[in-house]
Amino acid sequence: MGWPLNDLPKAVAAVDFLRHRSAAAHHLALIGIYRSWPDVASLDVSPDALAISPATMTPELSPHYWRALGYWTARYWQEKVQSLNQLSIHLQAFVPRLDPSVQKYFLQGVGRALFTYPLPANWVPPAELERFPRAYQQGLLEGWGMALGEDELFSPVPWKGQESPLWIAKTKGLSAMSLSYIQQGKAQFDALFESPDPTALEVPLSQ
């Protein structure tokens, strides 16, 4: 990923060749683009503009786009606010304007961003997530769980799951309900790499 925000379509088009070789590989490549895009995207465009004119995509990719937009929007807000309370105010003003069918995915993206770019002082005590409006907590915590799954995937330490020091630190003080949401999010992340046919991901090099 090296394109700025307004060239996201070019990034999507760059992997189109995979579509004709392996539909599964093409799908995963697009997921990777949407997960990488918020980290490199310019913060010069307002979230409102992106929410009003979302990218065109197939229904199965829509959740990944809205998670990416939630992640990017949280980064945008964090450049301008100094506390979780202020971030919550932005969230409560913005989310109701989104279509209800995408709000969950947008919140998951925000939750992932809070895990990656926490506030304040570079650390968000996990229990602080329970201070957000109850209607938003599931999505935020599922996003937190997806971020935990991503970190675990690339972690060099031998501990996995709830035995991991990272898991313990990032879930400390949360209620049983909140922990269940985090587990759901991690399961959703793990499911991204599940395929009933492993050969579906193979791309013939001769083509």
C-alpha atoms as a PDB file:
ATOM      1  CA  MET A   1       0.000   0.000   0.000  1.00  0.00           C
ATOM      2  CA  GLY A   2       1.451   3.305  -1.052  1.00  0.00           C
ATOM      3  CA  TRP A   3      -1.462   5.226  -2.456  1.00  0.00           C
ATOM      4  CA  PRO A   4      -3.017   8.241  -0.729  1.00  0.00           C
ATOM      5  CA  LEU A   5      -6.659   8.204   0.307  1.00  0.00           C
ATOM      6  CA  ASN A   6      -8.098   9.516  -2.951  1.00  0.00           C
ATOM      7  CA  ASP A   7      -6.350   6.742  -4.909  1.00  0.00           C
ATOM      8  CA  LEU A   8      -7.911   3.813  -3.059  1.00  0.00           C
ATOM      9  CA  PRO A   9      -9.595   2.702  -6.337  1.00  0.00           C
ATOM     10  CA  LYS A  10      -6.121   2.335  -7.895  1.00  0.00           C
ATOM     11  CA  ALA A  11      -5.057   0.038  -5.070  1.00  0.00           C
ATOM     12  CA  VAL A  12      -8.162  -2.086  -5.617  1.00  0.00           C
ATOM     13  CA  ALA A  13      -7.596  -2.133  -9.380  1.00  0.00           C
ATOM     14  CA  ALA A  14      -3.956  -3.188  -8.922  1.00  0.00           C
ATOM     15  CA  VAL A  15      -4.978  -6.629  -7.627  1.00  0.00           C
ATOM     16  CA  ASP A  16      -7.751  -7.184 -10.179  1.00  0.00           C
ATOM     17  CA  PHE A  17      -5.528  -9.647 -12.085  1.00  0.00           C
ATOM     18  CA  LEU A  18      -6.041 -12.097  -9.218  1.00  0.00           C
ATOM     19  CA  ARG A  19      -9.772 -12.245  -9.887  1.00  0.00           C
ATOM     20  CA  HIS A  20      -9.197 -14.428 -12.966  1.00  0.00           C
ATOM     21  CA  ARG A  21      -6.688 -16.729 -11.267  1.00  0.00           C
ATOM     22  CA  SER A  22      -8.163 -17.304  -7.808  1.00  0.00           C
ATOM     23  CA  ALA A  23     -11.363 -15.706  -6.544  1.00  0.00           C
ATOM     24  CA  ALA A  24     -10.408 -16.545  -2.954  1.00  0.00           C
ATOM     25  CA  ALA A  25      -6.940 -14.980  -3.285  1.00  0.00           C
ATOM     26  CA  HIS A  26      -8.457 -11.878  -4.883  1.00  0.00           C
ATOM     27  CA  HIS A  27     -10.924 -11.561  -2.010  1.00  0.00           C
ATOM     28  CA  LEU A  28      -8.145 -11.823   0.599  1.00  0.00           C
ATOM     29  CA  ALA A  29      -6.033  -9.294  -1.287  1.00  0.00           C
ATOM     30  CA  LEU A  30      -8.910  -6.792  -1.151  1.00  0.00           C
ATOM     31  CA  ILE A  31      -9.372  -7.445   2.570  1.00  0.00           C
ATOM     32  CA  GLY A  32      -5.657  -6.725   3.025  1.00  0.00           C
ATOM     33  CA  ILE A  33      -5.979  -3.455   1.113  1.00  0.00           C
ATOM     34  CA  TYR A  34      -8.899  -2.292   3.238  1.00  0.00           C
ATOM     35  CA  ARG A  35      -7.044  -3.227   6.429  1.00  0.00           C
ATOM     36  CA  SER A  36      -3.869  -1.419   5.315  1.00  0.00           C
ATOM     37  CA  TRP A  37      -5.465   1.638   3.793  1.00  0.00           C
ATOM     38  CA  PRO A  38      -6.297   3.488   7.061  1.00  0.00           C
ATOM     39  CA  ASP A  39      -2.652   3.331   8.169  1.00  0.00           C
ATOM     40  CA  VAL A  40      -1.350   5.170   5.113  1.00  0.00           C
ATOM     41  CA  ALA A  41      -4.343   7.303   4.122  1.00  0.00           C
ATOM     42  CA  SER A  42      -4.182  11.075   4.261  1.00  0.00           C
ATOM     43  CA  LEU A  43      -6.144  12.724   7.059  1.00  0.00           C
ATOM     44  CA  ASP A  44      -6.988  15.745   4.915  1.00  0.00           C
ATOM     45  CA  VAL A  45     -10.477  14.557   3.939  1.00  0.00           C
ATOM     46  CA  SER A  46     -13.370  14.791   6.394  1.00  0.00           C
ATOM     47  CA  PRO A  47     -15.113  11.589   7.558  1.00  0.00           C
ATOM     48  CA  ASP A  48     -18.428  13.138   6.504  1.00  0.00           C
ATOM     49  CA  ALA A  49     -17.337  13.263   2.866  1.00  0.00           C
ATOM     50  CA  LEU A  50     -16.361   9.595   2.871  1.00  0.00           C
ATOM     51  CA  ALA A  51     -19.515   8.462   4.651  1.00  0.00           C
ATOM     52  CA  ILE A  52     -21.759  10.384   2.239  1.00  0.00           C
ATOM     53  CA  SER A  53     -20.007   8.997  -0.856  1.00  0.00           C
ATOM     54  CA  PRO A  54     -18.774   5.509   0.053  1.00  0.00           C
ATOM     55  CA  ALA A  55     -16.687   3.453  -2.324  1.00  0.00           C
ATOM     56  CA  THR A  56     -18.502   1.137  -4.735  1.00  0.00           C
ATOM     57  CA  MET A  57     -17.972  -2.526  -3.891  1.00  0.00           C
ATOM     58  CA  THR A  58     -19.634  -5.909  -3.685  1.00  0.00           C
ATOM     59  CA  PRO A  59     -21.823  -6.613  -0.617  1.00  0.00           C
ATOM     60  CA  GLU A  60     -19.349  -9.146   0.801  1.00  0.00           C
ATOM     61  CA  LEU A  61     -16.593  -6.504   0.888  1.00  0.00           C
ATOM     62  CA  SER A  62     -18.768  -3.777   2.395  1.00  0.00           C
ATOM     63  CA  PRO A  63     -18.015  -4.773   6.043  1.00  0.00           C
ATOM     64  CA  HIS A  64     -14.272  -4.508   5.368  1.00  0.00           C
ATOM     65  CA  TYR A  65     -14.657  -1.049   3.843  1.00  0.00           C
ATOM     66  CA  TRP A  66     -16.710   0.266   6.763  1.00  0.00           C
ATOM     67  CA  ARG A  67     -14.277  -1.203   9.300  1.00  0.00           C
ATOM     68  CA  ALA A  68     -11.494   0.586   7.428  1.00  0.00           C
ATOM     69  CA  LEU A  69     -13.461   3.823   7.437  1.00  0.00           C
ATOM     70  CA  GLY A  70     -14.124   3.460  11.183  1.00  0.00           C
ATOM     71  CA  TYR A  71     -10.429   2.894  11.817  1.00  0.00           C
ATOM     72  CA  TRP A  72      -9.440   5.866   9.660  1.00  0.00           C
ATOM     73  CA  THR A  73     -12.115   8.118  11.218  1.00  0.00           C
ATOM     74  CA  ALA A  74     -10.895   7.294  14.721  1.00  0.00           C
ATOM     75  CA  ARG A  75      -7.377   8.278  13.654  1.00  0.00           C
ATOM     76  CA  TYR A  76      -8.780  11.513  12.206  1.00  0.00           C
ATOM     77  CA  TRP A  77     -10.568  12.326  15.465  1.00  0.00           C
ATOM     78  CA  GLN A  78      -7.611  11.373  17.636  1.00  0.00           C
ATOM     79  CA  GLU A  79      -5.523  14.001  15.868  1.00  0.00           C
ATOM     80  CA  LYS A  80      -7.983  16.589  17.201  1.00  0.00           C
ATOM     81  CA  VAL A  81      -9.072  15.387  20.667  1.00  0.00           C
ATOM     82  CA  GLN A  82      -7.264  14.685  23.917  1.00  0.00           C
ATOM     83  CA  SER A  83      -9.602  12.331  25.744  1.00  0.00           C
ATOM     84  CA  LEU A  84     -11.900   9.364  25.297  1.00  0.00           C
ATOM     85  CA  ASN A  85     -14.840  11.519  26.418  1.00  0.00           C
ATOM     86  CA  GLN A  86     -14.282  13.880  23.491  1.00  0.00           C
ATOM     87  CA  LEU A  87     -13.907  10.926  21.138  1.00  0.00           C
ATOM     88  CA  SER A  88     -17.191   9.524  22.456  1.00  0.00           C
ATOM     89  CA  ILE A  89     -18.939  12.835  21.711  1.00  0.00           C
ATOM     90  CA  HIS A  90     -17.733  12.697  18.101  1.00  0.00           C
ATOM     91  CA  LEU A  91     -18.875   9.078  17.862  1.00  0.00           C
ATOM     92  CA  GLN A  92     -22.356   9.798  19.187  1.00  0.00           C
ATOM     93  CA  ALA A  93     -22.801  12.633  16.700  1.00  0.00           C
ATOM     94  CA  PHE A  94     -21.486  10.667  13.716  1.00  0.00           C
ATOM     95  CA  VAL A  95     -22.736   7.072  13.988  1.00  0.00           C
ATOM     96  CA  PRO A  96     -26.511   7.810  13.876  1.00  0.00           C
ATOM     97  CA  ARG A  97     -25.998   9.414  10.456  1.00  0.00           C
ATOM     98  CA  LEU A  98     -24.739   6.124   9.008  1.00  0.00           C
ATOM     99  CA  ASP A  99     -27.013   3.470   7.570  1.00  0.00           C
ATOM    100  CA  PRO A 100     -27.895   1.038  10.408  1.00  0.00           C
ATOM    101  CA  SER A 101     -26.620  -1.869   8.296  1.00  0.00           C
ATOM    102  CA  VAL A 102     -23.022  -0.552   8.427  1.00  0.00           C
ATOM    103  CA  GLN A 103     -22.868   0.958  11.933  1.00  0.00           C
ATOM    104  CA  LYS A 104     -21.599  -2.272  13.518  1.00  0.00           C
ATOM    105  CA  TYR A 105     -18.676  -2.530  11.106  1.00  0.00           C
ATOM    106  CA  PHE A 106     -17.799   1.146  11.483  1.00  0.00           C
ATOM    107  CA  LEU A 107     -17.686   0.706  15.279  1.00  0.00           C
ATOM    108  CA  GLN A 108     -15.464  -2.361  14.902  1.00  0.00           C
ATOM    109  CA  GLY A 109     -13.014  -0.212  12.984  1.00  0.00           C
ATOM    110  CA  VAL A 110     -13.061   2.436  15.714  1.00  0.00           C
ATOM    111  CA  GLY A 111     -12.442  -0.255  18.326  1.00  0.00           C
ATOM    112  CA  ARG A 112      -9.468  -1.571  16.371  1.00  0.00           C
ATOM    113  CA  ALA A 113      -8.071   1.959  16.172  1.00  0.00           C
ATOM    114  CA  LEU A 114      -8.428   2.442  19.922  1.00  0.00           C
ATOM    115  CA  PHE A 115      -6.396  -0.728  20.374  1.00  0.00           C
ATOM    116  CA  THR A 116      -3.720   0.507  17.946  1.00  0.00           C
ATOM    117  CA  TYR A 117      -3.770   4.280  18.543  1.00  0.00           C
ATOM    118  CA  PRO A 118      -5.019   4.564  22.131  1.00  0.00           C
ATOM    119  CA  LEU A 119      -5.872   7.737  24.047  1.00  0.00           C
ATOM    120  CA  PRO A 120      -4.920   9.325  26.311  1.00  0.00           C
ATOM    121  CA  ALA A 121      -1.185   9.109  27.024  1.00  0.00           C
ATOM    122  CA  ASN A 122      -0.822   6.178  24.586  1.00  0.00           C
ATOM    123  CA  TRP A 123      -2.821   3.841  26.774  1.00  0.00           C
ATOM    124  CA  VAL A 124      -6.535   3.077  27.019  1.00  0.00           C
ATOM    125  CA  PRO A 125      -7.383   0.955  30.072  1.00  0.00           C
ATOM    126  CA  PRO A 126      -9.688  -1.705  28.584  1.00  0.00           C
ATOM    127  CA  ALA A 127     -12.439  -1.034  31.133  1.00  0.00           C
ATOM    128  CA  GLU A 128     -12.673   2.532  29.790  1.00  0.00           C
ATOM    129  CA  LEU A 129     -14.375   1.115  26.681  1.00  0.00           C
ATOM    130  CA  GLU A 130     -17.375   0.320  28.864  1.00  0.00           C
ATOM    131  CA  ARG A 131     -17.897   4.065  29.338  1.00  0.00           C
ATOM    132  CA  PHE A 132     -18.981   4.465  25.720  1.00  0.00           C
ATOM    133  CA  PRO A 133     -22.749   4.338  25.039  1.00  0.00           C
ATOM    134  CA  ARG A 134     -24.044   0.829  25.629  1.00  0.00           C
ATOM    135  CA  ALA A 135     -25.413   0.614  22.087  1.00  0.00           C
ATOM    136  CA  TYR A 136     -21.858   1.052  20.753  1.00  0.00           C
ATOM    137  CA  GLN A 137     -19.976  -1.211  23.137  1.00  0.00           C
ATOM    138  CA  GLN A 138     -20.438  -4.495  21.286  1.00  0.00           C
ATOM    139  CA  GLY A 139     -19.077  -3.137  18.007  1.00  0.00           C
ATOM    140  CA  LEU A 140     -16.159  -1.366  19.700  1.00  0.00           C
ATOM    141  CA  LEU A 141     -15.199  -4.431  21.712  1.00  0.00           C
ATOM    142  CA  GLU A 142     -15.506  -6.746  18.724  1.00  0.00           C
ATOM    143  CA  GLY A 143     -13.077  -4.435  16.941  1.00  0.00           C
ATOM    144  CA  TRP A 144     -10.791  -4.654  20.003  1.00  0.00           C
ATOM    145  CA  GLY A 145     -10.981  -8.456  19.672  1.00  0.00           C
ATOM    146  CA  MET A 146     -10.144  -8.314  15.969  1.00  0.00           C
ATOM    147  CA  ALA A 147      -7.071  -6.224  16.798  1.00  0.00           C
ATOM    148  CA  LEU A 148      -6.066  -8.757  19.453  1.00  0.00           C
ATOM    149  CA  GLY A 149      -6.369 -11.517  16.861  1.00  0.00           C
ATOM    150  CA  GLU A 150      -4.196  -9.592  14.416  1.00  0.00           C
ATOM    151  CA  ASP A 151      -1.518  -8.949  17.021  1.00  0.00           C
ATOM    152  CA  GLU A 152      -1.584 -12.587  18.087  1.00  0.00           C
ATOM    153  CA  LEU A 153      -1.170 -13.742  14.473  1.00  0.00           C
ATOM    154  CA  PHE A 154       2.162 -11.917  14.201  1.00  0.00           C
ATOM    155  CA  SER A 155       3.281 -12.245  17.826  1.00  0.00           C
ATOM    156  CA  PRO A 156       6.642 -13.983  18.394  1.00  0.00           C
ATOM    157  CA  VAL A 157       5.665 -15.130  21.912  1.00  0.00           C
ATOM    158  CA  PRO A 158       4.459 -18.728  22.358  1.00  0.00           C
ATOM    159  CA  TRP A 159       1.339 -17.850  24.386  1.00  0.00           C
ATOM    160  CA  LYS A 160      -1.935 -17.630  22.493  1.00  0.00           C
ATOM    161  CA  GLY A 161      -5.496 -16.733  23.370  1.00  0.00           C
ATOM    162  CA  GLN A 162      -6.399 -15.910  26.931  1.00  0.00           C
ATOM    163  CA  GLU A 163      -3.020 -17.172  28.174  1.00  0.00           C
ATOM    164  CA  SER A 164      -1.222 -14.434  26.250  1.00  0.00           C
ATOM    165  CA  PRO A 165       0.223 -11.559  28.326  1.00  0.00           C
ATOM    166  CA  LEU A 166      -1.138  -9.199  25.671  1.00  0.00           C
ATOM    167  CA  TRP A 167      -4.641 -10.654  26.029  1.00  0.00           C
ATOM    168  CA  ILE A 168      -4.451 -10.308  29.820  1.00  0.00           C
ATOM    169  CA  ALA A 169      -3.267  -6.701  29.619  1.00  0.00           C
ATOM    170  CA  LYS A 170      -5.796  -5.700  26.959  1.00  0.00           C
ATOM    171  CA  THR A 171      -8.818  -7.237  28.718  1.00  0.00           C
ATOM    172  CA  LYS A 172      -8.058  -6.369  32.340  1.00  0.00           C
ATOM    173  CA  GLY A 173     -11.072  -5.128  34.278  1.00  0.00           C
ATOM    174  CA  LEU A 174     -13.672  -5.889  31.633  1.00  0.00           C
ATOM    175  CA  SER A 175     -16.998  -7.501  32.474  1.00  0.00           C
ATOM    176  CA  ALA A 176     -17.889 -11.027  31.353  1.00  0.00           C
ATOM    177  CA  MET A 177     -20.202  -9.573  28.680  1.00  0.00           C
ATOM    178  CA  SER A 178     -17.448  -7.354  27.319  1.00  0.00           C
ATOM    179  CA  LEU A 179     -15.040 -10.290  27.223  1.00  0.00           C
ATOM    180  CA  SER A 180     -17.590 -12.265  25.206  1.00  0.00           C
ATOM    181  CA  TYR A 181     -17.736  -9.428  22.659  1.00  0.00           C
ATOM    182  CA  ILE A 182     -13.934  -9.431  22.405  1.00  0.00           C
ATOM    183  CA  GLN A 183     -13.962 -13.185  21.849  1.00  0.00           C
ATOM    184  CA  GLN A 184     -16.565 -12.750  19.109  1.00  0.00           C
ATOM    185  CA  GLY A 185     -14.360 -10.161  17.427  1.00  0.00           C
ATOM    186  CA  LYS A 186     -11.316 -12.410  17.580  1.00  0.00           C
ATOM    187  CA  ALA A 187     -13.363 -15.258  16.104  1.00  0.00           C
ATOM    188  CA  GLN A 188     -14.434 -12.967  13.242  1.00  0.00           C
ATOM    189  CA  PHE A 189     -10.798 -12.105  12.559  1.00  0.00           C
ATOM    190  CA  ASP A 190      -9.749 -15.769  12.640  1.00  0.00           C
ATOM    191  CA  ALA A 191     -12.572 -16.589  10.197  1.00  0.00           C
ATOM    192  CA  LEU A 192     -11.005 -14.313   7.568  1.00  0.00           C
ATOM    193  CA  PHE A 193      -8.364 -16.967   6.955  1.00  0.00           C
ATOM    194  CA  GLU A 194     -10.619 -19.998   6.938  1.00  0.00           C
ATOM    195  CA  SER A 195     -11.286 -21.635   3.578  1.00  0.00           C
ATOM    196  CA  PRO A 196     -13.125 -24.916   3.002  1.00  0.00           C
ATOM    197  CA  ASP A 197     -10.810 -25.528   0.034  1.00  0.00           C
ATOM    198  CA  PRO A 198      -7.143 -24.559   0.648  1.00  0.00           C
ATOM    199  CA  THR A 199      -6.381 -24.935  -3.070  1.00  0.00           C
ATOM    200  CA  ALA A 200      -8.820 -22.076  -3.756  1.00  0.00           C
ATOM    201  CA  LEU A 201      -6.068 -19.671  -2.632  1.00  0.00           C
ATOM    202  CA  GLU A 202      -3.470 -20.987  -5.058  1.00  0.00           C
ATOM    203  CA  VAL A 203      -2.532 -18.713  -7.940  1.00  0.00           C
ATOM    204  CA  PRO A 204      -1.035 -20.551 -10.961  1.00  0.00           C
ATOM    205  CA  LEU A 205       2.301 -18.879 -11.718  1.00  0.00           C
ATOM    206  CA  SER A 206       2.219 -19.959 -15.346  1.00  0.00           C
ATOM    207  CA  GLN A 207      -0.821 -17.826 -16.169  1.00  0.00           C
END
